[in-house]
Amino acid sequence: DEYDAKEWHEASVPGVFDTSAPNMAGYEGVCWFRRTVTVPQAWQGKRLFLQFGAVNYTARVYWNGVAVRENTDGFLPFSCDITDAVRWNGENT
C-alpha cells in the first residue's frame, strides 16, 4: 500500500466516519475508508460488484489501486463493477 494507515481510526461499516472517534464529530472534509478482503475462488468467472447505500457527497472508489467508480449522488445508493480488478490469489484492498 502507498498509504500509511497507522494513525487511521477504525470505523464500523455501514456507518459514518465522524462517529469513529471523538475528535471527528462534526468533521467536514475528505475521508478514506479502506478494507482488506479475500474474494472466494468459487466466485471466479462471475461479475462482482461493491454496493454502497450512500456516500456524502462525492465518492471515488478504488479496488486494488484501480479507480472503479466516481459517484456524486450523495444520498443515493450506487454500485461499482470490480470484476476486472479482483486478485484471485490473495488479499484485495
C-alpha atoms as a PDB file:
ATOM      1  CA  ASP A   1       0.000   0.000   0.000  1.00  0.00           C
ATOM      2  CA  GLU A   2       1.161   3.512  -0.681  1.00  0.00           C
ATOM      3  CA  TYR A   3      -0.748   4.948   2.308  1.00  0.00           C
ATOM      4  CA  ASP A   4       0.434   4.650   5.890  1.00  0.00           C
ATOM      5  CA  ALA A   5      -2.658   3.817   7.923  1.00  0.00           C
ATOM      6  CA  LYS A   6      -1.016   3.591  11.364  1.00  0.00           C
ATOM      7  CA  GLU A   7      -2.964   6.590  12.655  1.00  0.00           C
ATOM      8  CA  TRP A   8      -6.259   5.862  10.912  1.00  0.00           C
ATOM      9  CA  HIS A   9      -9.356   5.398  13.079  1.00  0.00           C
ATOM     10  CA  GLU A  10     -11.397   2.231  12.877  1.00  0.00           C
ATOM     11  CA  ALA A  11     -14.963   2.738  11.710  1.00  0.00           C
ATOM     12  CA  SER A  12     -17.874   0.343  11.516  1.00  0.00           C
ATOM     13  CA  VAL A  13     -19.399  -0.131   8.079  1.00  0.00           C
ATOM     14  CA  PRO A  14     -22.142   0.614   7.349  1.00  0.00           C
ATOM     15  CA  GLY A  15     -21.720   3.806   9.271  1.00  0.00           C
ATOM     16  CA  VAL A  16     -20.360   7.330   9.140  1.00  0.00           C
ATOM     17  CA  PHE A  17     -16.758   8.345   9.705  1.00  0.00           C
ATOM     18  CA  ASP A  18     -17.480  11.249  12.035  1.00  0.00           C
ATOM     19  CA  THR A  19     -18.596   8.789  14.731  1.00  0.00           C
ATOM     20  CA  SER A  20     -15.357   6.761  14.510  1.00  0.00           C
ATOM     21  CA  ALA A  21     -13.503   8.894  17.087  1.00  0.00           C
ATOM     22  CA  PRO A  22     -14.357  11.762  19.457  1.00  0.00           C
ATOM     23  CA  ASN A  23     -12.214  14.268  17.553  1.00  0.00           C
ATOM     24  CA  MET A  24     -14.098  13.516  14.311  1.00  0.00           C
ATOM     25  CA  ALA A  25     -17.514  14.794  15.498  1.00  0.00           C
ATOM     26  CA  GLY A  26     -18.786  17.403  13.078  1.00  0.00           C
ATOM     27  CA  TYR A  27     -15.838  16.939  10.699  1.00  0.00           C
ATOM     28  CA  GLU A  28     -16.477  18.145   7.147  1.00  0.00           C
ATOM     29  CA  GLY A  29     -13.812  17.143   4.661  1.00  0.00           C
ATOM     30  CA  VAL A  30     -12.045  14.301   2.928  1.00  0.00           C
ATOM     31  CA  CYS A  31     -12.135  10.852   4.466  1.00  0.00           C
ATOM     32  CA  TRP A  32     -10.784   7.490   3.326  1.00  0.00           C
ATOM     33  CA  PHE A  33     -12.269   4.100   4.155  1.00  0.00           C
ATOM     34  CA  ARG A  34     -10.164   1.010   3.498  1.00  0.00           C
ATOM     35  CA  ARG A  35     -10.899  -2.645   3.907  1.00  0.00           C
ATOM     36  CA  THR A  36      -8.923  -5.760   3.003  1.00  0.00           C
ATOM     37  CA  VAL A  37     -10.776  -8.884   1.892  1.00  0.00           C
ATOM     38  CA  THR A  38     -10.124 -12.203   0.220  1.00  0.00           C
ATOM     39  CA  VAL A  39     -12.574 -12.980  -2.584  1.00  0.00           C
ATOM     40  CA  PRO A  40     -13.653 -16.650  -2.664  1.00  0.00           C
ATOM     41  CA  GLN A  41     -12.206 -18.629  -5.592  1.00  0.00           C
ATOM     42  CA  ALA A  42     -15.729 -20.010  -6.175  1.00  0.00           C
ATOM     43  CA  TRP A  43     -16.764 -16.532  -7.374  1.00  0.00           C
ATOM     44  CA  GLN A  44     -14.222 -16.512 -10.222  1.00  0.00           C
ATOM     45  CA  GLY A  45     -15.976 -16.187 -13.575  1.00  0.00           C
ATOM     46  CA  LYS A  46     -18.855 -14.199 -12.061  1.00  0.00           C
ATOM     47  CA  ARG A  47     -19.398 -10.435 -12.245  1.00  0.00           C
ATOM     48  CA  LEU A  48     -18.645  -8.834  -8.897  1.00  0.00           C
ATOM     49  CA  PHE A  49     -19.990  -5.546  -7.533  1.00  0.00           C
ATOM     50  CA  LEU A  50     -19.485  -3.401  -4.450  1.00  0.00           C
ATOM     51  CA  GLN A  51     -22.749  -1.877  -3.243  1.00  0.00           C
ATOM     52  CA  PHE A  52     -22.917   1.429  -1.348  1.00  0.00           C
ATOM     53  CA  GLY A  53     -26.043   2.642   0.447  1.00  0.00           C
ATOM     54  CA  ALA A  54     -24.927   6.263   0.023  1.00  0.00           C
ATOM     55  CA  VAL A  55     -21.753   8.325   0.236  1.00  0.00           C
ATOM     56  CA  ASN A  56     -21.989  12.009   1.000  1.00  0.00           C
ATOM     57  CA  TYR A  57     -21.013  13.999  -1.149  1.00  0.00           C
ATOM     58  CA  THR A  58     -18.542  12.621  -3.661  1.00  0.00           C
ATOM     59  CA  ALA A  59     -17.080   9.117  -3.669  1.00  0.00           C
ATOM     60  CA  ARG A  60     -14.073   7.862  -5.571  1.00  0.00           C
ATOM     61  CA  VAL A  61     -13.863   4.092  -5.241  1.00  0.00           C
ATOM     62  CA  TYR A  62     -10.658   2.127  -5.821  1.00  0.00           C
ATOM     63  CA  TRP A  63     -10.156  -1.629  -5.809  1.00  0.00           C
ATOM     64  CA  ASN A  64      -6.513  -2.712  -5.564  1.00  0.00           C
ATOM     65  CA  GLY A  65      -5.464   0.760  -6.644  1.00  0.00           C
ATOM     66  CA  VAL A  66      -7.691   0.747  -9.737  1.00  0.00           C
ATOM     67  CA  ALA A  67     -10.295   3.523  -9.931  1.00  0.00           C
ATOM     68  CA  VAL A  68     -13.583   1.676 -10.455  1.00  0.00           C
ATOM     69  CA  ARG A  69     -16.174   4.410  -9.942  1.00  0.00           C
ATOM     70  CA  GLU A  70     -16.817   8.022  -9.058  1.00  0.00           C
ATOM     71  CA  ASN A  71     -20.222   8.992  -7.714  1.00  0.00           C
ATOM     72  CA  THR A  72     -21.655  12.425  -6.926  1.00  0.00           C
ATOM     73  CA  ASP A  73     -25.217  11.481  -5.892  1.00  0.00           C
ATOM     74  CA  GLY A  74     -24.585  11.883  -2.170  1.00  0.00           C
ATOM     75  CA  PHE A  75     -27.841  10.417  -0.899  1.00  0.00           C
ATOM     76  CA  LEU A  76     -28.499   7.611  -3.396  1.00  0.00           C
ATOM     77  CA  PRO A  77     -27.226   4.020  -3.467  1.00  0.00           C
ATOM     78  CA  PHE A  78     -24.745   3.011  -6.161  1.00  0.00           C
ATOM     79  CA  SER A  79     -22.602   0.045  -7.144  1.00  0.00           C
ATOM     80  CA  CYS A  80     -19.155  -0.500  -8.638  1.00  0.00           C
ATOM     81  CA  ASP A  81     -18.171  -3.305 -11.004  1.00  0.00           C
ATOM     82  CA  ILE A  82     -14.910  -4.704  -9.563  1.00  0.00           C
ATOM     83  CA  THR A  83     -14.774  -7.837 -11.724  1.00  0.00           C
ATOM     84  CA  ASP A  84     -11.658  -6.903 -13.704  1.00  0.00           C
ATOM     85  CA  ALA A  85      -9.739  -5.596 -10.673  1.00  0.00           C
ATOM     86  CA  VAL A  86     -10.066  -8.632  -8.353  1.00  0.00           C
ATOM     87  CA  ARG A  87      -6.962 -10.571  -7.259  1.00  0.00           C
ATOM     88  CA  TRP A  88      -7.857 -14.230  -7.025  1.00  0.00           C
ATOM     89  CA  ASN A  89      -4.626 -15.353  -5.400  1.00  0.00           C
ATOM     90  CA  GLY A  90      -4.582 -13.169  -2.285  1.00  0.00           C
ATOM     91  CA  GLU A  91      -5.859 -10.146  -0.469  1.00  0.00           C
ATOM     92  CA  ASN A  92      -7.760  -7.287  -2.116  1.00  0.00           C
ATOM     93  CA  THR A  93      -7.878  -3.730  -0.789  1.00  0.00           C
END
